Amino acid sequence: MKLRSALFSALALAVAVPTAFAVTTRAWTTDTYKAFDEGEGDNARVSSDGLVLPGAPTRRVELEAEAVWTAVRAPDGTVYTGSVDDGAVYAVSGGNKRRVATLDKESPWIGALALGPDGMLYAGTLGAGTVIAIDPRTGRTSKLGKLEGAGHVWSLAVSGNTLWAGTGPNGKLFAIELPSGKARQVWESGD
């Protein structure tokens, strides 16, 4: 009888312990920006499609800017950001930040950033349609040029010695020779 009682107790314990540590899956919908903004973004990232996915731990770093519009990550992990209110470009690494350059004479709104293979940073402006080269080590800036017929530089990408600039409002693509800054229009959407 004692053996049966001991077996019954062991069986009951074996069944109860796994359920004591079980968790349930929860799902919820966030359908407004306000609801999303009130949440915590711990270990999450938001894709360019707006999907919230598991991600690496993040830390908020306060910048002296109303908002940033664009960012690019360097091979060493430094993230360069472009602001919307004062033309500031920041370097953020770990919990530290520093203002690399201020382009407010060109435009207060940085629309695009790209890094060249040599570490040079390129910024495109909204409203002025200019492209500026920035040495992130010294903060020295030089204007590569104003892109003909472009009011906004929406995107930048570097390939070899060419900086590609996607512009608006008329949907033009420019190829800019580096380091000279000589630009030529290579495509227009027709819109």
N, C-alpha and C. Protein backbone atom coordinates (compact mmCIF):
# COMPACT_ATOMS: atom_id res chain seq x y z
N MET A 1 0.81 -1.18 0.00
CA MET A 1 0.00 0.00 0.00
C MET A 1 0.87 1.27 0.00
N LYS A 2 1.96 1.21 0.76
CA LYS A 2 2.85 2.38 0.80
C LYS A 2 3.47 2.62 -0.56
N LEU A 3 3.81 1.54 -1.29
CA LEU A 3 4.39 1.67 -2.62
C LEU A 3 3.41 2.32 -3.58
N ARG A 4 2.14 1.90 -3.52
CA ARG A 4 1.12 2.48 -4.39
C ARG A 4 0.92 3.95 -4.06
N SER A 5 0.92 4.29 -2.81
CA SER A 5 0.74 5.67 -2.38
C SER A 5 1.93 6.53 -2.84
N ALA A 6 3.14 5.97 -2.74
CA ALA A 6 4.33 6.71 -3.17
C ALA A 6 4.32 6.91 -4.68
N LEU A 7 3.93 5.88 -5.45
CA LEU A 7 3.85 6.01 -6.90
C LEU A 7 2.80 7.04 -7.30
N PHE A 8 1.66 7.02 -6.63
CA PHE A 8 0.60 7.99 -6.93
C PHE A 8 1.09 9.42 -6.66
N SER A 9 1.78 9.61 -5.54
CA SER A 9 2.31 10.94 -5.19
C SER A 9 3.35 11.39 -6.21
N ALA A 10 4.25 10.48 -6.63
CA ALA A 10 5.27 10.83 -7.61
C ALA A 10 4.63 11.19 -8.95
N LEU A 11 3.61 10.43 -9.37
CA LEU A 11 2.91 10.71 -10.62
C LEU A 11 2.20 12.06 -10.56
N ALA A 12 1.56 12.34 -9.46
CA ALA A 12 0.86 13.62 -9.29
C ALA A 12 1.86 14.78 -9.34
N LEU A 13 2.99 14.62 -8.71
CA LEU A 13 4.02 15.66 -8.72
C LEU A 13 4.59 15.85 -10.12
N ALA A 14 4.81 14.77 -10.85
CA ALA A 14 5.35 14.84 -12.21
C ALA A 14 4.40 15.58 -13.14
N VAL A 15 3.12 15.44 -12.94
CA VAL A 15 2.13 16.12 -13.78
C VAL A 15 1.99 17.58 -13.36
N ALA A 16 2.08 17.88 -12.08
CA ALA A 16 1.84 19.23 -11.59
C ALA A 16 3.00 20.17 -11.85
N VAL A 17 4.25 19.71 -11.75
CA VAL A 17 5.41 20.59 -11.87
C VAL A 17 5.50 21.24 -13.24
N PRO A 18 5.41 20.50 -14.36
CA PRO A 18 5.50 21.18 -15.66
C PRO A 18 4.41 22.23 -15.86
N THR A 19 3.21 21.98 -15.39
CA THR A 19 2.14 22.96 -15.59
C THR A 19 2.35 24.19 -14.72
N ALA A 20 3.06 24.03 -13.60
CA ALA A 20 3.31 25.18 -12.74
C ALA A 20 4.22 26.19 -13.42
N PHE A 21 5.09 25.74 -14.36
CA PHE A 21 6.02 26.64 -15.03
C PHE A 21 5.57 27.00 -16.45
N ALA A 22 4.42 26.54 -16.85
CA ALA A 22 3.92 26.81 -18.20
C ALA A 22 3.53 28.28 -18.32
N VAL A 23 3.68 28.81 -19.51
CA VAL A 23 3.25 30.18 -19.79
C VAL A 23 2.22 30.14 -20.92
N THR A 24 1.48 31.19 -21.02
CA THR A 24 0.49 31.26 -22.09
C THR A 24 0.92 32.32 -23.09
N THR A 25 0.50 32.14 -24.30
CA THR A 25 0.78 33.10 -25.36
C THR A 25 -0.29 34.18 -25.31
N ARG A 26 0.15 35.43 -25.43
CA ARG A 26 -0.80 36.53 -25.47
C ARG A 26 -0.63 37.28 -26.78
N ALA A 27 -1.71 37.75 -27.31
CA ALA A 27 -1.67 38.57 -28.53
C ALA A 27 -2.51 39.80 -28.28
N TRP A 28 -2.09 40.92 -28.87
CA TRP A 28 -2.86 42.15 -28.77
C TRP A 28 -2.64 42.96 -30.02
N THR A 29 -3.51 43.90 -30.24
CA THR A 29 -3.43 44.75 -31.41
C THR A 29 -3.25 46.19 -30.96
N THR A 30 -2.30 46.85 -31.57
CA THR A 30 -2.09 48.27 -31.35
C THR A 30 -2.42 48.95 -32.67
N ASP A 31 -3.52 49.68 -32.70
CA ASP A 31 -3.96 50.23 -33.97
C ASP A 31 -3.86 51.75 -34.07
N THR A 32 -3.24 52.37 -33.08
CA THR A 32 -3.01 53.81 -33.17
C THR A 32 -1.56 54.10 -32.77
N TYR A 33 -1.02 55.18 -33.29
CA TYR A 33 0.33 55.56 -32.91
C TYR A 33 0.39 55.88 -31.42
N LYS A 34 -0.65 56.52 -30.90
CA LYS A 34 -0.66 56.87 -29.47
C LYS A 34 -0.50 55.62 -28.62
N ALA A 35 -1.23 54.56 -28.94
CA ALA A 35 -1.14 53.31 -28.18
C ALA A 35 0.26 52.71 -28.29
N PHE A 36 0.83 52.74 -29.49
CA PHE A 36 2.18 52.22 -29.69
C PHE A 36 3.19 53.04 -28.90
N ASP A 37 3.08 54.36 -28.96
CA ASP A 37 4.02 55.25 -28.31
C ASP A 37 3.99 55.12 -26.80
N GLU A 38 2.84 54.75 -26.24
CA GLU A 38 2.72 54.59 -24.79
C GLU A 38 3.35 53.29 -24.31
N GLY A 39 3.65 52.38 -25.22
CA GLY A 39 4.23 51.10 -24.85
C GLY A 39 5.73 51.19 -24.65
N GLU A 40 6.31 50.09 -24.26
CA GLU A 40 7.75 49.98 -24.07
C GLU A 40 8.34 49.19 -25.23
N GLY A 41 9.44 49.64 -25.78
CA GLY A 41 10.08 48.98 -26.91
C GLY A 41 11.24 48.10 -26.50
N ASP A 42 11.16 47.48 -25.34
CA ASP A 42 12.26 46.64 -24.87
C ASP A 42 12.48 45.46 -25.81
N ASN A 43 13.72 45.30 -26.25
CA ASN A 43 14.11 44.17 -27.10
C ASN A 43 13.22 44.03 -28.33
N ALA A 44 12.85 45.14 -28.91
CA ALA A 44 12.01 45.14 -30.10
C ALA A 44 12.57 46.12 -31.11
N ARG A 45 12.23 45.88 -32.37
CA ARG A 45 12.60 46.82 -33.42
C ARG A 45 11.41 46.98 -34.34
N VAL A 46 11.34 48.10 -35.01
CA VAL A 46 10.25 48.37 -35.94
C VAL A 46 10.85 48.38 -37.34
N SER A 47 10.33 47.53 -38.22
CA SER A 47 10.85 47.44 -39.58
C SER A 47 10.38 48.63 -40.40
N SER A 48 10.94 48.78 -41.59
CA SER A 48 10.53 49.89 -42.46
C SER A 48 9.08 49.72 -42.92
N ASP A 49 8.54 48.50 -42.79
CA ASP A 49 7.13 48.25 -43.12
C ASP A 49 6.21 48.54 -41.94
N GLY A 50 6.77 48.89 -40.79
CA GLY A 50 5.97 49.17 -39.62
C GLY A 50 5.71 47.96 -38.74
N LEU A 51 6.33 46.82 -39.04
CA LEU A 51 6.16 45.63 -38.22
C LEU A 51 7.04 45.72 -36.98
N VAL A 52 6.51 45.32 -35.84
CA VAL A 52 7.28 45.26 -34.61
C VAL A 52 7.80 43.83 -34.48
N LEU A 53 9.12 43.68 -34.41
CA LEU A 53 9.76 42.38 -34.40
C LEU A 53 10.71 42.26 -33.21
N PRO A 54 11.05 41.04 -32.81
CA PRO A 54 12.05 40.89 -31.75
C PRO A 54 13.37 41.51 -32.21
N GLY A 55 14.06 42.14 -31.31
CA GLY A 55 15.32 42.77 -31.68
C GLY A 55 16.26 42.84 -30.50
N ALA A 56 17.38 43.46 -30.71
CA ALA A 56 18.40 43.61 -29.67
C ALA A 56 17.95 44.66 -28.65
N PRO A 57 18.49 44.58 -27.46
CA PRO A 57 18.17 45.61 -26.47
C PRO A 57 18.55 47.00 -26.98
N THR A 58 17.76 47.98 -26.67
CA THR A 58 18.01 49.35 -27.12
C THR A 58 18.01 50.29 -25.92
N ARG A 59 18.63 51.44 -26.12
CA ARG A 59 18.63 52.51 -25.13
C ARG A 59 18.27 53.81 -25.81
N ARG A 60 17.49 54.61 -25.18
CA ARG A 60 17.14 55.92 -25.71
C ARG A 60 18.28 56.88 -25.39
N VAL A 61 18.68 57.66 -26.41
CA VAL A 61 19.69 58.70 -26.23
C VAL A 61 19.03 60.02 -26.62
N GLU A 62 19.00 60.94 -25.69
CA GLU A 62 18.37 62.23 -25.94
C GLU A 62 19.27 63.09 -26.83
N LEU A 63 18.70 63.63 -27.90
CA LEU A 63 19.41 64.55 -28.79
C LEU A 63 18.78 65.92 -28.65
N GLU A 64 19.54 66.95 -28.93
CA GLU A 64 19.01 68.31 -28.86
C GLU A 64 18.32 68.64 -30.19
N ALA A 65 17.37 67.81 -30.58
CA ALA A 65 16.66 68.00 -31.84
C ALA A 65 15.20 67.64 -31.61
N GLU A 66 14.34 68.28 -32.37
CA GLU A 66 12.91 67.96 -32.28
C GLU A 66 12.67 66.52 -32.69
N ALA A 67 13.32 66.08 -33.76
CA ALA A 67 13.20 64.71 -34.24
C ALA A 67 14.32 64.46 -35.23
N VAL A 68 14.59 63.18 -35.50
CA VAL A 68 15.52 62.82 -36.56
C VAL A 68 14.74 62.13 -37.66
N TRP A 69 15.16 62.35 -38.90
CA TRP A 69 14.45 61.83 -40.06
C TRP A 69 15.18 60.65 -40.68
N THR A 70 16.49 60.67 -40.59
CA THR A 70 17.30 59.67 -41.27
C THR A 70 18.46 59.25 -40.38
N ALA A 71 18.95 58.04 -40.63
CA ALA A 71 20.09 57.54 -39.87
C ALA A 71 20.85 56.53 -40.72
N VAL A 72 22.13 56.39 -40.43
CA VAL A 72 22.97 55.38 -41.10
C VAL A 72 23.94 54.85 -40.05
N ARG A 73 24.20 53.54 -40.13
CA ARG A 73 25.07 52.90 -39.15
C ARG A 73 26.44 52.62 -39.77
N ALA A 74 27.48 53.02 -39.08
CA ALA A 74 28.86 52.79 -39.53
C ALA A 74 29.30 51.38 -39.13
N PRO A 75 30.34 50.86 -39.78
CA PRO A 75 30.83 49.52 -39.43
C PRO A 75 31.22 49.36 -37.96
N ASP A 76 31.65 50.45 -37.31
CA ASP A 76 32.05 50.36 -35.90
C ASP A 76 30.86 50.44 -34.94
N GLY A 77 29.63 50.53 -35.49
CA GLY A 77 28.43 50.59 -34.67
C GLY A 77 27.91 51.99 -34.41
N THR A 78 28.69 53.01 -34.73
CA THR A 78 28.23 54.39 -34.56
C THR A 78 27.04 54.63 -35.49
N VAL A 79 26.01 55.28 -34.95
CA VAL A 79 24.84 55.64 -35.74
C VAL A 79 24.87 57.15 -35.95
N TYR A 80 24.83 57.56 -37.21
CA TYR A 80 24.76 58.98 -37.55
C TYR A 80 23.32 59.32 -37.86
N THR A 81 22.82 60.42 -37.29
CA THR A 81 21.43 60.82 -37.49
C THR A 81 21.36 62.24 -38.04
N GLY A 82 20.31 62.52 -38.79
CA GLY A 82 20.08 63.86 -39.33
C GLY A 82 18.77 64.40 -38.79
N SER A 83 18.80 65.62 -38.28
CA SER A 83 17.63 66.21 -37.63
C SER A 83 16.71 66.92 -38.62
N VAL A 84 15.54 67.28 -38.11
CA VAL A 84 14.54 67.93 -38.96
C VAL A 84 14.38 69.41 -38.64
N ASP A 85 14.98 69.90 -37.57
CA ASP A 85 14.69 71.27 -37.18
C ASP A 85 15.88 72.22 -37.22
N ASP A 86 17.11 71.71 -37.17
CA ASP A 86 18.24 72.62 -37.14
C ASP A 86 19.41 72.17 -38.01
N GLY A 87 19.21 71.18 -38.87
CA GLY A 87 20.25 70.72 -39.77
C GLY A 87 21.41 70.04 -39.07
N ALA A 88 21.18 69.52 -37.87
CA ALA A 88 22.26 68.90 -37.11
C ALA A 88 22.44 67.44 -37.50
N VAL A 89 23.71 67.03 -37.55
CA VAL A 89 24.06 65.63 -37.75
C VAL A 89 24.77 65.19 -36.48
N TYR A 90 24.25 64.12 -35.87
CA TYR A 90 24.80 63.59 -34.62
C TYR A 90 25.45 62.24 -34.85
N ALA A 91 26.46 61.94 -34.03
CA ALA A 91 27.05 60.60 -33.96
C ALA A 91 26.66 60.04 -32.60
N VAL A 92 26.05 58.85 -32.62
CA VAL A 92 25.62 58.20 -31.39
C VAL A 92 26.34 56.86 -31.31
N SER A 93 27.04 56.65 -30.19
CA SER A 93 27.76 55.40 -30.00
C SER A 93 27.63 55.02 -28.53
N GLY A 94 27.05 53.83 -28.29
CA GLY A 94 26.77 53.46 -26.91
C GLY A 94 25.77 54.45 -26.34
N GLY A 95 26.01 54.97 -25.19
CA GLY A 95 25.14 55.98 -24.61
C GLY A 95 25.63 57.39 -24.86
N ASN A 96 26.69 57.53 -25.66
CA ASN A 96 27.28 58.86 -25.91
C ASN A 96 26.81 59.43 -27.23
N LYS A 97 26.76 60.75 -27.28
CA LYS A 97 26.39 61.44 -28.51
C LYS A 97 27.29 62.65 -28.68
N ARG A 98 27.45 63.05 -29.94
CA ARG A 98 28.15 64.31 -30.21
C ARG A 98 27.61 64.88 -31.51
N ARG A 99 27.55 66.20 -31.54
CA ARG A 99 27.13 66.89 -32.75
C ARG A 99 28.32 66.93 -33.70
N VAL A 100 28.15 66.31 -34.87
CA VAL A 100 29.24 66.24 -35.85
C VAL A 100 29.29 67.51 -36.68
N ALA A 101 28.11 67.96 -37.13
CA ALA A 101 28.06 69.14 -38.00
C ALA A 101 26.66 69.74 -37.93
N THR A 102 26.56 71.01 -38.33
CA THR A 102 25.28 71.68 -38.44
C THR A 102 25.17 72.27 -39.84
N LEU A 103 24.12 71.88 -40.55
CA LEU A 103 23.93 72.31 -41.94
C LEU A 103 22.77 73.29 -42.08
N ASP A 104 22.43 74.01 -41.01
CA ASP A 104 21.24 74.86 -41.04
C ASP A 104 21.32 75.99 -42.06
N LYS A 105 22.52 76.32 -42.53
CA LYS A 105 22.62 77.34 -43.58
C LYS A 105 22.09 76.81 -44.90
N GLU A 106 22.19 75.49 -45.10
CA GLU A 106 21.67 74.85 -46.31
C GLU A 106 20.19 74.54 -46.16
N SER A 107 19.85 73.88 -45.10
CA SER A 107 18.49 73.44 -44.85
C SER A 107 18.41 72.92 -43.43
N PRO A 108 17.31 73.22 -42.74
CA PRO A 108 17.20 72.68 -41.39
C PRO A 108 16.82 71.20 -41.38
N TRP A 109 16.46 70.61 -42.53
CA TRP A 109 15.95 69.26 -42.57
C TRP A 109 16.88 68.36 -43.37
N ILE A 110 17.51 67.40 -42.68
CA ILE A 110 18.37 66.43 -43.35
C ILE A 110 17.48 65.27 -43.79
N GLY A 111 17.42 65.04 -45.10
CA GLY A 111 16.52 64.02 -45.65
C GLY A 111 17.15 62.66 -45.86
N ALA A 112 18.48 62.60 -46.01
CA ALA A 112 19.14 61.33 -46.28
C ALA A 112 20.59 61.40 -45.84
N LEU A 113 21.10 60.25 -45.41
CA LEU A 113 22.51 60.11 -45.05
C LEU A 113 23.06 58.84 -45.69
N ALA A 114 24.34 58.86 -46.04
CA ALA A 114 25.03 57.66 -46.55
C ALA A 114 26.49 57.75 -46.14
N LEU A 115 27.09 56.58 -45.94
CA LEU A 115 28.51 56.51 -45.59
C LEU A 115 29.28 55.94 -46.76
N GLY A 116 30.40 56.58 -47.08
CA GLY A 116 31.28 56.06 -48.12
C GLY A 116 32.23 55.04 -47.53
N PRO A 117 32.88 54.24 -48.38
CA PRO A 117 33.81 53.23 -47.89
C PRO A 117 35.02 53.82 -47.16
N ASP A 118 35.31 55.09 -47.42
CA ASP A 118 36.43 55.77 -46.75
C ASP A 118 36.02 56.42 -45.43
N GLY A 119 34.74 56.25 -45.03
CA GLY A 119 34.26 56.83 -43.79
C GLY A 119 33.64 58.20 -43.94
N MET A 120 33.69 58.77 -45.16
CA MET A 120 33.08 60.08 -45.39
C MET A 120 31.56 59.93 -45.30
N LEU A 121 30.91 60.90 -44.70
CA LEU A 121 29.46 60.91 -44.53
C LEU A 121 28.87 61.90 -45.53
N TYR A 122 27.78 61.50 -46.18
CA TYR A 122 27.11 62.37 -47.14
C TYR A 122 25.70 62.65 -46.66
N ALA A 123 25.28 63.91 -46.76
CA ALA A 123 23.95 64.33 -46.32
C ALA A 123 23.22 65.00 -47.46
N GLY A 124 21.95 64.63 -47.63
CA GLY A 124 21.08 65.28 -48.60
C GLY A 124 20.03 66.07 -47.86
N THR A 125 19.69 67.24 -48.38
CA THR A 125 18.76 68.12 -47.67
C THR A 125 17.39 68.14 -48.33
N LEU A 126 16.38 68.39 -47.51
CA LEU A 126 15.02 68.59 -48.00
C LEU A 126 14.76 70.09 -48.04
N GLY A 127 14.16 70.52 -49.10
CA GLY A 127 13.88 71.94 -49.27
C GLY A 127 14.93 72.65 -50.11
N ALA A 128 16.19 72.23 -50.00
CA ALA A 128 17.26 72.89 -50.75
C ALA A 128 17.80 72.00 -51.88
N GLY A 129 17.64 70.68 -51.77
CA GLY A 129 18.12 69.77 -52.81
C GLY A 129 19.61 69.77 -52.97
N THR A 130 20.34 69.92 -51.86
CA THR A 130 21.79 69.93 -51.92
C THR A 130 22.36 68.66 -51.29
N VAL A 131 23.59 68.36 -51.67
CA VAL A 131 24.32 67.23 -51.08
C VAL A 131 25.61 67.79 -50.50
N ILE A 132 25.88 67.39 -49.25
CA ILE A 132 27.03 67.90 -48.52
C ILE A 132 27.87 66.71 -48.06
N ALA A 133 29.20 66.83 -48.20
CA ALA A 133 30.13 65.84 -47.67
C ALA A 133 30.56 66.29 -46.28
N ILE A 134 30.58 65.34 -45.34
CA ILE A 134 30.95 65.64 -43.96
C ILE A 134 32.03 64.66 -43.53
N ASP A 135 33.13 65.20 -43.01
CA ASP A 135 34.14 64.32 -42.41
C ASP A 135 33.73 64.12 -40.96
N PRO A 136 33.26 62.92 -40.60
CA PRO A 136 32.75 62.72 -39.24
C PRO A 136 33.84 62.81 -38.16
N ARG A 137 35.10 62.71 -38.53
CA ARG A 137 36.18 62.81 -37.55
C ARG A 137 36.42 64.26 -37.14
N THR A 138 36.33 65.17 -38.12
CA THR A 138 36.65 66.58 -37.84
C THR A 138 35.42 67.49 -37.83
N GLY A 139 34.30 67.04 -38.45
CA GLY A 139 33.12 67.88 -38.57
C GLY A 139 33.18 68.83 -39.76
N ARG A 140 34.27 68.79 -40.51
CA ARG A 140 34.43 69.68 -41.67
C ARG A 140 33.43 69.29 -42.75
N THR A 141 32.77 70.30 -43.32
CA THR A 141 31.77 70.07 -44.36
C THR A 141 32.19 70.73 -45.66
N SER A 142 31.74 70.14 -46.77
CA SER A 142 31.93 70.78 -48.08
C SER A 142 30.72 70.44 -48.94
N LYS A 143 30.21 71.47 -49.59
CA LYS A 143 29.03 71.31 -50.43
C LYS A 143 29.43 70.66 -51.74
N LEU A 144 28.85 69.47 -52.01
CA LEU A 144 29.12 68.82 -53.30
C LEU A 144 28.33 69.51 -54.40
N GLY A 145 27.15 70.00 -54.08
CA GLY A 145 26.39 70.74 -55.08
C GLY A 145 24.90 70.71 -54.86
N LYS A 146 24.24 71.59 -55.61
CA LYS A 146 22.77 71.65 -55.67
C LYS A 146 22.38 70.82 -56.87
N LEU A 147 21.46 69.88 -56.70
CA LEU A 147 21.05 69.01 -57.79
C LEU A 147 19.99 69.72 -58.63
N GLU A 148 20.27 69.89 -59.91
CA GLU A 148 19.43 70.64 -60.84
C GLU A 148 18.00 70.10 -60.88
N GLY A 149 17.05 70.98 -60.58
CA GLY A 149 15.63 70.62 -60.65
C GLY A 149 15.13 69.79 -59.48
N ALA A 150 15.96 69.60 -58.46
CA ALA A 150 15.56 68.82 -57.29
C ALA A 150 15.35 69.74 -56.10
N GLY A 151 14.23 69.58 -55.44
CA GLY A 151 13.97 70.34 -54.21
C GLY A 151 14.31 69.54 -52.96
N HIS A 152 14.27 68.21 -53.11
CA HIS A 152 14.49 67.34 -51.94
C HIS A 152 15.41 66.19 -52.32
N VAL A 153 16.30 65.83 -51.42
CA VAL A 153 17.10 64.62 -51.58
C VAL A 153 16.53 63.61 -50.58
N TRP A 154 15.83 62.61 -51.13
CA TRP A 154 15.12 61.63 -50.31
C TRP A 154 16.00 60.44 -49.94
N SER A 155 16.96 60.09 -50.79
CA SER A 155 17.77 58.90 -50.53
C SER A 155 19.17 59.08 -51.11
N LEU A 156 20.13 58.43 -50.44
CA LEU A 156 21.52 58.44 -50.88
C LEU A 156 22.09 57.02 -50.73
N ALA A 157 22.93 56.62 -51.68
CA ALA A 157 23.63 55.33 -51.60
C ALA A 157 24.97 55.48 -52.31
N VAL A 158 26.01 54.89 -51.72
CA VAL A 158 27.34 54.95 -52.31
C VAL A 158 27.68 53.60 -52.91
N SER A 159 28.19 53.64 -54.15
CA SER A 159 28.67 52.43 -54.83
C SER A 159 29.97 52.81 -55.54
N GLY A 160 31.09 52.29 -55.04
CA GLY A 160 32.37 52.66 -55.63
C GLY A 160 32.64 54.14 -55.48
N ASN A 161 32.91 54.81 -56.61
CA ASN A 161 33.15 56.25 -56.60
C ASN A 161 31.93 57.04 -57.02
N THR A 162 30.75 56.44 -56.88
CA THR A 162 29.51 57.12 -57.26
C THR A 162 28.58 57.21 -56.07
N LEU A 163 28.07 58.41 -55.85
CA LEU A 163 27.03 58.64 -54.85
C LEU A 163 25.72 58.80 -55.62
N TRP A 164 24.76 57.92 -55.35
CA TRP A 164 23.46 57.96 -56.02
C TRP A 164 22.50 58.75 -55.15
N ALA A 165 21.74 59.66 -55.77
CA ALA A 165 20.79 60.50 -55.04
C ALA A 165 19.41 60.40 -55.67
N GLY A 166 18.46 59.92 -54.88
CA GLY A 166 17.06 59.90 -55.29
C GLY A 166 16.40 61.18 -54.82
N THR A 167 15.76 61.91 -55.74
CA THR A 167 15.27 63.25 -55.42
C THR A 167 13.79 63.42 -55.75
N GLY A 168 13.25 64.51 -55.28
CA GLY A 168 11.87 64.90 -55.57
C GLY A 168 11.83 66.39 -55.76
N PRO A 169 10.73 66.93 -56.19
CA PRO A 169 9.44 66.28 -56.27
C PRO A 169 9.20 65.54 -57.59
N ASN A 170 10.10 65.60 -58.55
CA ASN A 170 9.82 65.02 -59.87
C ASN A 170 10.43 63.65 -60.09
N GLY A 171 10.91 63.00 -59.06
CA GLY A 171 11.40 61.64 -59.18
C GLY A 171 12.61 61.47 -60.07
N LYS A 172 13.68 62.20 -59.77
CA LYS A 172 14.91 62.11 -60.57
C LYS A 172 15.98 61.35 -59.78
N LEU A 173 16.82 60.63 -60.52
CA LEU A 173 17.96 59.94 -59.94
C LEU A 173 19.23 60.57 -60.49
N PHE A 174 20.15 60.93 -59.58
CA PHE A 174 21.41 61.55 -59.97
C PHE A 174 22.57 60.64 -59.60
N ALA A 175 23.60 60.63 -60.44
CA ALA A 175 24.87 59.98 -60.15
C ALA A 175 25.87 61.09 -59.89
N ILE A 176 26.48 61.09 -58.73
CA ILE A 176 27.44 62.12 -58.34
C ILE A 176 28.82 61.48 -58.23
N GLU A 177 29.77 61.99 -59.02
CA GLU A 177 31.13 61.46 -58.97
C GLU A 177 31.81 61.91 -57.67
N LEU A 178 32.49 60.97 -57.03
CA LEU A 178 33.23 61.29 -55.81
C LEU A 178 34.72 61.23 -56.10
N PRO A 179 35.50 62.12 -55.59
CA PRO A 179 35.16 63.18 -54.65
C PRO A 179 34.80 64.52 -55.31
N SER A 180 34.80 64.60 -56.65
CA SER A 180 34.63 65.88 -57.34
C SER A 180 33.27 66.53 -57.11
N GLY A 181 32.22 65.72 -56.95
CA GLY A 181 30.88 66.28 -56.78
C GLY A 181 30.17 66.55 -58.08
N LYS A 182 30.77 66.18 -59.22
CA LYS A 182 30.12 66.40 -60.51
C LYS A 182 28.89 65.49 -60.60
N ALA A 183 27.72 66.12 -60.81
CA ALA A 183 26.45 65.38 -60.82
C ALA A 183 25.85 65.36 -62.21
N ARG A 184 25.22 64.23 -62.53
CA ARG A 184 24.46 64.15 -63.78
C ARG A 184 23.19 63.36 -63.51
N GLN A 185 22.11 63.82 -64.12
CA GLN A 185 20.83 63.13 -63.99
C GLN A 185 20.89 61.87 -64.86
N VAL A 186 20.53 60.72 -64.29
CA VAL A 186 20.57 59.47 -65.04
C VAL A 186 19.19 58.87 -65.27
N TRP A 187 18.18 59.36 -64.59
CA TRP A 187 16.83 58.84 -64.75
C TRP A 187 15.81 59.82 -64.24
N GLU A 188 14.65 59.85 -64.89
CA GLU A 188 13.52 60.66 -64.42
C GLU A 188 12.25 59.84 -64.55
N SER A 189 11.42 59.87 -63.54
CA SER A 189 10.22 59.03 -63.52
C SER A 189 9.14 59.51 -64.47
N GLY A 190 9.15 60.78 -64.80
CA GLY A 190 8.11 61.32 -65.65
C GLY A 190 6.87 61.76 -64.89
N ASP A 191 6.87 61.60 -63.60
CA ASP A 191 5.72 62.02 -62.78
C ASP A 191 5.88 63.44 -62.33
